[in-house]
C-alpha cells in the first residue's frame, strides 16, 4: 500500500456554505485521513469522530497483533480447536477465500503463517536456499482455513498457521466508514486508510473527487488524474522495499505459493466499487504479474487497473483510456 503514489486533489467551499473538512491521525500503525462534506465544523467533527470510533471497533475485531482480538484467538488455537467469532469476521474471511480462489492463491490471508526469511532492510547479502524458501511457506494455504458458519467458528488446520488481514482489512475499514457516515447523513466524503481510498458523493462545488496517480520511477510527478465518484482505488507496490540478486529485482511482496518475492511489476493500482475488493485484488494482481494479472482484471466487470513495470512502462486494463486522464 503506497500512499506516496496517490495524491488527493480537493477544493474547499461552495456557494451553499457546505465545507470540506479533513482530519489526519495515525491509526492501525498507519496514516489515516478522513475528509467529509458538512454544513459546519461541528457537524464535520462529529462525522470524523464516528469514523475514528469505527476504525477502532474493527481493529479490535481483525487485528492480528492485538492478542485479545478474535483473529489473534484463531491464530493462538491453530491446529488445536475452533474459535467462536462474530459473523462479521466470518463473512470477511469467506470473501477473502473467494478472492484467493479468483487469484489462484496469489492473494491469501494465511500469508502470516510464512517464515520471514527475506529481509528488505539492507541486511541480506545472499539469497535464501531453495529448500529454505520452500519450507518458509509450508504452513500457508487458504484451503486449510475451516469455517463452520452455522456454529460461527473458524479453525486453522495446522499448528503454526496464522491469519493476517492486512491485505484486505484496510479496504474493509474504508468501506465500513463510508457506509456508517452515509447512514449518519454525511452526503459526501473520502476516506484514505494508508492509501486505500474510498469516495462517495461529490465535492461542495459539484465536482467529483480526484486522485492523481504517480509513477514510482518519478514520484515527484503525477502522470494521470482520475475522477472518483462512489469509487475506490488502492495501490500495491514495491518501489522502495526490494532486494537485487544477480541483476534481478525481488519485491517485498512475497508470492506465498512459492515463497519467492513477486517480480516484474513495481506498482499496481486497482479501481473498484468497494475498497475491500480493490485492496485484495491489488495485492493478488501484483503477485500474479503483468500478463496473468491484467488478463484477470480484464475479465472482471467494474474493475480497472493501472500497472507500472520495472522499466517504468505503464499498462492499463482495456476499460481505461489513459489518454483521457494523462498529463503531458
Protein backbone atom coordinates (compact mmCIF):
# COMPACT_ATOMS: atom_id res chain seq x y z
CA UNK A 1 0.00 0.00 0.00
CA UNK A 2 1.63 3.16 -1.16
CA UNK A 3 0.16 6.44 -0.13
CA UNK A 4 3.03 8.24 -1.87
CA UNK A 5 1.75 7.04 -5.23
CA UNK A 6 -1.72 8.56 -4.84
CA UNK A 7 -2.38 12.28 -4.38
CA UNK A 8 -5.79 13.65 -3.37
CA UNK A 9 -6.92 16.79 -5.15
CA UNK A 10 -9.72 18.75 -3.45
CA UNK A 11 -11.21 22.23 -3.18
CA UNK A 12 -12.75 23.90 -0.16
CA UNK A 13 -16.09 25.73 -0.10
CA UNK A 14 -19.25 26.09 -2.17
CA UNK A 15 -21.94 28.71 -2.57
CA UNK A 16 -24.37 26.81 -0.35
CA UNK A 17 -21.94 27.05 2.57
CA UNK A 18 -21.05 23.37 2.72
CA UNK A 19 -17.43 22.88 3.57
CA UNK A 20 -14.77 20.23 3.14
CA UNK A 21 -13.21 19.29 6.45
CA UNK A 22 -10.19 17.00 6.81
CA UNK A 23 -8.64 15.22 9.74
CA UNK A 24 -5.38 13.28 9.74
CA UNK A 25 -4.46 10.89 12.53
CA UNK A 26 -2.35 7.78 12.97
CA UNK A 27 -4.42 4.62 13.33
CA UNK A 28 -3.62 0.93 12.76
CA UNK A 29 0.03 1.98 12.82
CA UNK A 30 -0.51 3.91 9.57
CA UNK A 31 -1.62 7.33 8.34
CA UNK A 32 -5.41 7.74 8.32
CA UNK A 33 -7.20 10.65 6.65
CA UNK A 34 -10.92 11.35 6.68
CA UNK A 35 -12.43 14.09 4.51
CA UNK A 36 -16.10 14.96 4.94
CA UNK A 37 -18.53 17.45 3.41
CA UNK A 38 -20.56 19.07 6.18
CA UNK A 39 -22.64 22.17 6.92
CA UNK A 40 -20.20 23.36 9.60
CA UNK A 41 -17.16 22.37 11.63
CA UNK A 42 -19.26 20.96 14.48
CA UNK A 43 -21.03 18.51 12.18
CA UNK A 44 -17.73 17.66 10.43
CA UNK A 45 -16.04 16.87 13.75
CA UNK A 46 -18.95 14.60 14.70
CA UNK A 47 -18.66 12.66 11.44
CA UNK A 48 -14.89 12.33 11.89
CA UNK A 49 -15.23 11.15 15.50
CA UNK A 50 -17.71 8.49 14.36
CA UNK A 51 -15.28 7.34 11.66
CA UNK A 52 -12.40 7.00 14.12
CA UNK A 53 -14.60 5.06 16.56
CA UNK A 54 -15.48 2.65 13.73
CA UNK A 55 -11.79 2.14 12.87
CA UNK A 56 -11.06 1.21 16.47
CA UNK A 57 -14.05 -1.15 16.60
CA UNK A 58 -12.89 -3.06 13.53
CA UNK A 59 -9.27 -3.06 14.70
CA UNK A 60 -10.44 -4.83 17.87
CA UNK A 61 -12.03 -7.46 15.61
CA UNK A 62 -9.43 -8.13 12.89
CA UNK A 63 -6.01 -7.11 14.22
CA UNK A 64 -3.50 -9.96 14.44
CA UNK A 65 -1.09 -8.06 16.68
CA UNK A 66 -3.53 -7.21 19.49
CA UNK A 67 -3.55 -10.54 21.42
CA UNK A 68 -7.20 -10.33 22.54
CA UNK A 69 -8.91 -10.00 19.14
CA UNK A 70 -10.88 -12.86 17.55
CA UNK A 71 -8.24 -13.15 14.79
CA UNK A 72 -5.46 -13.48 17.38
CA UNK A 73 -7.51 -16.10 19.23
CA UNK A 74 -7.92 -18.08 15.99
CA UNK A 75 -4.14 -17.90 15.45
CA UNK A 76 -3.37 -18.95 19.03
CA UNK A 77 -5.63 -22.02 18.68
CA UNK A 78 -4.27 -23.09 15.27
CA UNK A 79 -4.16 -26.87 14.90
CA UNK A 80 -5.95 -27.32 18.23
CA UNK A 81 -9.52 -26.07 18.24
CA UNK A 82 -12.16 -23.98 16.50
CA UNK A 83 -12.85 -20.49 17.87
CA UNK A 84 -16.28 -18.87 18.03
CA UNK A 85 -16.16 -15.44 16.38
CA UNK A 86 -18.63 -12.74 15.24
CA UNK A 87 -20.47 -13.30 11.96
CA UNK A 88 -18.92 -10.09 10.58
CA UNK A 89 -15.45 -11.66 10.77
CA UNK A 90 -16.58 -14.98 9.29
CA UNK A 91 -18.07 -13.18 6.30
CA UNK A 92 -14.87 -11.16 5.77
CA UNK A 93 -12.81 -14.37 5.86
CA UNK A 94 -15.24 -16.01 3.42
CA UNK A 95 -14.86 -13.12 0.98
CA UNK A 96 -11.08 -13.33 1.38
CA UNK A 97 -11.15 -17.01 0.43
CA UNK A 98 -13.24 -16.19 -2.65
CA UNK A 99 -10.54 -13.75 -3.79
CA UNK A 100 -7.89 -16.41 -3.09
CA UNK A 101 -9.74 -18.75 -5.45
CA UNK A 102 -10.17 -15.98 -8.03
CA UNK A 103 -6.42 -15.21 -8.00
CA UNK A 104 -5.30 -18.86 -7.82
CA UNK A 105 -3.88 -18.26 -4.34
CA UNK A 106 -1.89 -15.12 -5.24
CA UNK A 107 -3.92 -13.41 -2.51
CA UNK A 108 -4.04 -15.44 0.70
CA UNK A 109 -4.85 -14.21 4.23
CA UNK A 110 -2.90 -17.13 5.69
CA UNK A 111 0.28 -15.41 4.42
CA UNK A 112 1.00 -14.57 8.08
CA UNK A 113 1.97 -18.25 8.52
CA UNK A 114 5.05 -17.63 6.37
CA UNK A 115 8.55 -17.69 7.84
CA UNK A 116 10.10 -14.28 7.17
CA UNK A 117 13.35 -15.39 5.59
CA UNK A 118 13.59 -12.45 3.18
CA UNK A 119 14.95 -9.21 4.66
CA UNK A 120 14.46 -5.86 2.97
CA UNK A 121 16.37 -3.66 5.41
CA UNK A 122 19.73 -3.98 3.66
CA UNK A 123 20.95 -6.85 5.85
CA UNK A 124 20.54 -9.61 3.23
CA UNK A 125 23.74 -10.45 1.36
CA UNK A 126 22.80 -13.82 -0.13
CA UNK A 127 19.57 -15.39 -1.32
CA UNK A 128 17.93 -17.98 0.90
CA UNK A 129 18.37 -21.57 -0.30
CA UNK A 130 15.61 -23.14 -2.43
CA UNK A 131 14.91 -25.55 0.44
CA UNK A 132 14.52 -22.72 2.96
CA UNK A 133 12.26 -20.81 0.55
CA UNK A 134 10.03 -23.85 0.02
CA UNK A 135 9.87 -24.58 3.75
CA UNK A 136 9.02 -20.94 4.57
CA UNK A 137 5.55 -21.28 3.04
CA UNK A 138 4.76 -24.83 4.18
CA UNK A 139 2.07 -23.65 6.61
CA UNK A 140 0.42 -21.20 4.19
CA UNK A 141 -2.79 -22.25 2.44
CA UNK A 142 -6.26 -20.73 2.43
CA UNK A 143 -7.64 -24.26 1.84
CA UNK A 144 -6.68 -25.05 5.45
CA UNK A 145 -8.99 -22.37 6.90
CA UNK A 146 -12.02 -24.26 8.23
CA UNK A 147 -15.24 -22.25 8.62
CA UNK A 148 -18.39 -23.50 10.32
CA UNK A 149 -20.87 -20.72 9.61
CA UNK A 150 -23.74 -22.44 11.41
CA UNK A 151 -21.80 -22.53 14.66
CA UNK A 152 -19.86 -19.30 13.92
CA UNK A 153 -16.44 -20.88 14.30
CA UNK A 154 -13.12 -20.66 12.47
CA UNK A 155 -10.24 -23.09 12.79
CA UNK A 156 -6.81 -23.24 11.21
CA UNK A 157 -5.97 -26.82 10.32
CA UNK A 158 -2.25 -26.82 11.15
CA UNK A 159 -0.40 -25.72 14.25
CA UNK A 160 1.68 -22.64 13.46
CA UNK A 161 -0.79 -21.30 10.90
CA UNK A 162 -1.77 -17.64 11.19
CA UNK A 163 -4.25 -15.30 9.58
CA UNK A 164 -3.29 -11.74 8.69
CA UNK A 165 -5.96 -9.46 7.28
CA UNK A 166 -3.54 -6.66 6.32
CA UNK A 167 -4.13 -7.20 2.60
CA UNK A 168 -7.90 -6.68 2.82
CA UNK A 169 -8.62 -5.21 6.26
CA UNK A 170 -7.80 -1.59 5.50
CA UNK A 171 -10.05 -1.69 2.46
CA UNK A 172 -12.79 -3.24 4.57
CA UNK A 173 -12.41 -0.45 7.13
CA UNK A 174 -12.70 2.21 4.42
CA UNK A 175 -15.94 0.63 3.16
CA UNK A 176 -17.40 0.39 6.66
CA UNK A 177 -16.64 4.05 7.36
CA UNK A 178 -18.31 5.06 4.09
CA UNK A 179 -21.44 3.03 4.94
CA UNK A 180 -21.54 4.36 8.50
CA UNK A 181 -21.20 8.04 7.55
CA UNK A 182 -23.77 7.73 4.76
CA UNK A 183 -26.19 6.29 7.34
CA UNK A 184 -25.47 9.27 9.62
CA UNK A 185 -26.30 11.79 6.91
CA UNK A 186 -22.85 12.61 5.56
CA UNK A 187 -23.69 13.03 1.87
CA UNK A 188 -20.13 13.17 0.56
CA UNK A 189 -16.66 12.31 1.71
CA UNK A 190 -13.43 10.48 1.19
CA UNK A 191 -11.54 8.10 3.44
CA UNK A 192 -7.88 7.27 2.98
CA UNK A 193 -6.62 4.36 5.06
CA UNK A 194 -2.89 4.37 4.28
CA UNK A 195 -3.52 4.56 0.53
CA UNK A 196 -6.80 2.63 0.41
CA UNK A 197 -9.16 5.33 -0.83
CA UNK A 198 -12.96 5.23 -0.87
CA UNK A 199 -15.22 8.08 -2.00
CA UNK A 200 -18.90 8.91 -2.03
CA UNK A 201 -20.89 11.88 -3.27
CA UNK A 202 -19.26 14.98 -4.76
CA UNK A 203 -17.30 17.99 -3.57
CA UNK A 204 -19.37 21.05 -2.50
CA UNK A 205 -18.76 22.77 -5.85
CA UNK A 206 -20.32 19.81 -7.68
CA UNK A 207 -17.01 18.41 -8.90
CA UNK A 208 -16.03 14.78 -8.44
CA UNK A 209 -13.28 13.83 -6.06
CA UNK A 210 -9.99 13.41 -7.90
CA UNK A 211 -6.86 11.37 -7.32
CA UNK A 212 -3.53 11.80 -9.02
CA UNK A 213 -1.51 8.65 -9.72
CA UNK A 214 2.28 8.83 -9.63
CA UNK A 215 4.76 6.66 -11.47
CA UNK A 216 7.11 5.18 -8.86
CA UNK A 217 10.02 5.84 -11.24
CA UNK A 218 9.28 9.58 -10.89
CA UNK A 219 7.42 10.11 -7.64
CA UNK A 220 7.50 13.90 -7.92
CA UNK A 221 5.27 13.92 -10.97
CA UNK A 222 1.60 12.98 -11.33
CA UNK A 223 1.15 11.23 -14.68
CA UNK A 224 -2.64 10.87 -14.61
CA UNK A 225 -5.60 12.31 -12.69
CA UNK A 226 -8.78 10.27 -12.25
CA UNK A 227 -12.22 11.44 -11.10
CA UNK A 228 -13.80 9.26 -8.43
CA UNK A 229 -17.48 9.06 -7.59
CA UNK A 230 -18.63 6.22 -5.35
CA UNK A 231 -15.42 4.52 -6.38
CA UNK A 232 -12.39 3.12 -4.57
CA UNK A 233 -8.73 2.88 -5.53
CA UNK A 234 -5.77 1.12 -3.95
CA UNK A 235 -2.11 0.81 -4.94
CA UNK A 236 0.24 -2.04 -4.10
CA UNK A 237 3.88 -1.51 -4.86
CA UNK A 238 7.49 -2.36 -4.20
CA UNK A 239 9.15 0.83 -5.33
CA UNK A 240 11.01 1.26 -2.03
CA UNK A 241 11.30 -2.20 -0.45
CA UNK A 242 13.20 -4.69 -2.59
CA UNK A 243 16.48 -6.56 -2.91
CA UNK A 244 18.56 -7.30 -6.00
CA UNK A 245 20.49 -10.51 -6.62
CA UNK A 246 22.32 -11.30 -9.88
CA UNK A 247 20.70 -8.30 -11.53
CA UNK A 248 17.15 -9.42 -10.67
CA UNK A 249 14.86 -7.29 -8.55
CA UNK A 250 12.85 -9.06 -5.82
CA UNK A 251 9.98 -7.11 -4.25
CA UNK A 252 8.93 -7.22 -0.59
CA UNK A 253 5.57 -8.67 -1.67
CA UNK A 254 6.00 -12.44 -1.44
CA UNK A 255 4.21 -14.99 -3.59
CA UNK A 256 3.10 -17.31 -0.80
CA UNK A 257 2.51 -20.11 -3.31
CA UNK A 258 6.25 -20.36 -3.97
CA UNK A 259 7.99 -18.43 -1.19
CA UNK A 260 9.73 -16.22 -3.75
CA UNK A 261 9.15 -12.45 -3.96
CA UNK A 262 6.98 -11.17 -6.79
CA UNK A 263 8.95 -9.82 -9.76
CA UNK A 264 8.23 -7.78 -12.88
CA UNK A 265 6.00 -5.02 -11.50
CA UNK A 266 6.67 -2.09 -9.21
CA UNK A 267 3.12 -0.87 -8.73
CA UNK A 268 -0.48 -1.88 -9.37
CA UNK A 269 -3.42 0.49 -8.86
CA UNK A 270 -6.87 -1.10 -8.87
CA UNK A 271 -10.18 0.80 -9.17
CA UNK A 272 -13.34 -0.93 -7.90
CA UNK A 273 -16.72 -0.19 -6.34
CA UNK A 274 -15.51 -1.38 -2.93
CA UNK A 275 -12.17 -0.62 -1.31
CA UNK A 276 -12.05 -4.12 0.12
CA UNK A 277 -12.03 -5.62 -3.37
CA UNK A 278 -9.55 -3.03 -4.70
CA UNK A 279 -7.26 -3.74 -1.74
CA UNK A 280 -7.22 -7.53 -2.11
CA UNK A 281 -7.03 -7.51 -5.91
CA UNK A 282 -4.13 -5.04 -5.94
CA UNK A 283 -2.07 -7.49 -3.90
CA UNK A 284 -3.23 -10.54 -5.87
CA UNK A 285 -2.66 -8.94 -9.27
CA UNK A 286 0.79 -7.70 -8.22
CA UNK A 287 1.79 -11.25 -7.27
CA UNK A 288 0.24 -12.76 -10.42
CA UNK A 289 2.36 -10.46 -12.58
CA UNK A 290 1.67 -8.31 -15.60
CA UNK A 291 0.17 -10.77 -18.08
CA UNK A 292 -1.84 -13.05 -15.78
CA UNK A 293 -2.91 -10.13 -13.57
CA UNK A 294 -4.09 -7.99 -16.48
CA UNK A 295 -5.90 -10.96 -18.01
CA UNK A 296 -7.81 -11.45 -14.75
CA UNK A 297 -8.74 -7.77 -14.39
CA UNK A 298 -9.99 -7.65 -17.98
CA UNK A 299 -12.45 -10.44 -17.15
CA UNK A 300 -13.89 -8.75 -14.05
CA UNK A 301 -16.80 -6.35 -14.60
CA UNK A 302 -16.41 -2.96 -12.93
CA UNK A 303 -12.70 -3.42 -12.18
CA UNK A 304 -9.95 -1.28 -13.72
CA UNK A 305 -6.22 -1.36 -13.25
CA UNK A 306 -3.00 0.55 -13.98
CA UNK A 307 0.34 -1.27 -13.80
CA UNK A 308 3.89 0.05 -13.85
CA UNK A 309 6.62 -2.48 -14.63
CA UNK A 310 10.29 -2.48 -13.63
CA UNK A 311 11.20 -0.50 -16.74
CA UNK A 312 8.71 2.24 -15.85
CA UNK A 313 6.30 1.23 -18.62
CA UNK A 314 2.64 1.95 -17.82
CA UNK A 315 -0.07 -0.56 -18.84
CA UNK A 316 -3.81 -0.28 -18.31
CA UNK A 317 -6.80 -2.60 -18.39
CA UNK A 318 -8.94 -2.42 -21.52
CA UNK A 319 -11.60 -0.25 -19.85
CA UNK A 320 -9.20 2.65 -19.11
CA UNK A 321 -8.38 5.14 -21.85
CA UNK A 322 -5.27 6.62 -20.29
CA UNK A 323 -5.09 9.47 -22.81
CA UNK A 324 -8.26 10.97 -21.26
CA UNK A 325 -6.59 11.28 -17.86
CA UNK A 326 -2.89 11.53 -18.65
CA UNK A 327 -0.80 14.64 -18.07
CA UNK A 328 1.67 15.81 -20.68
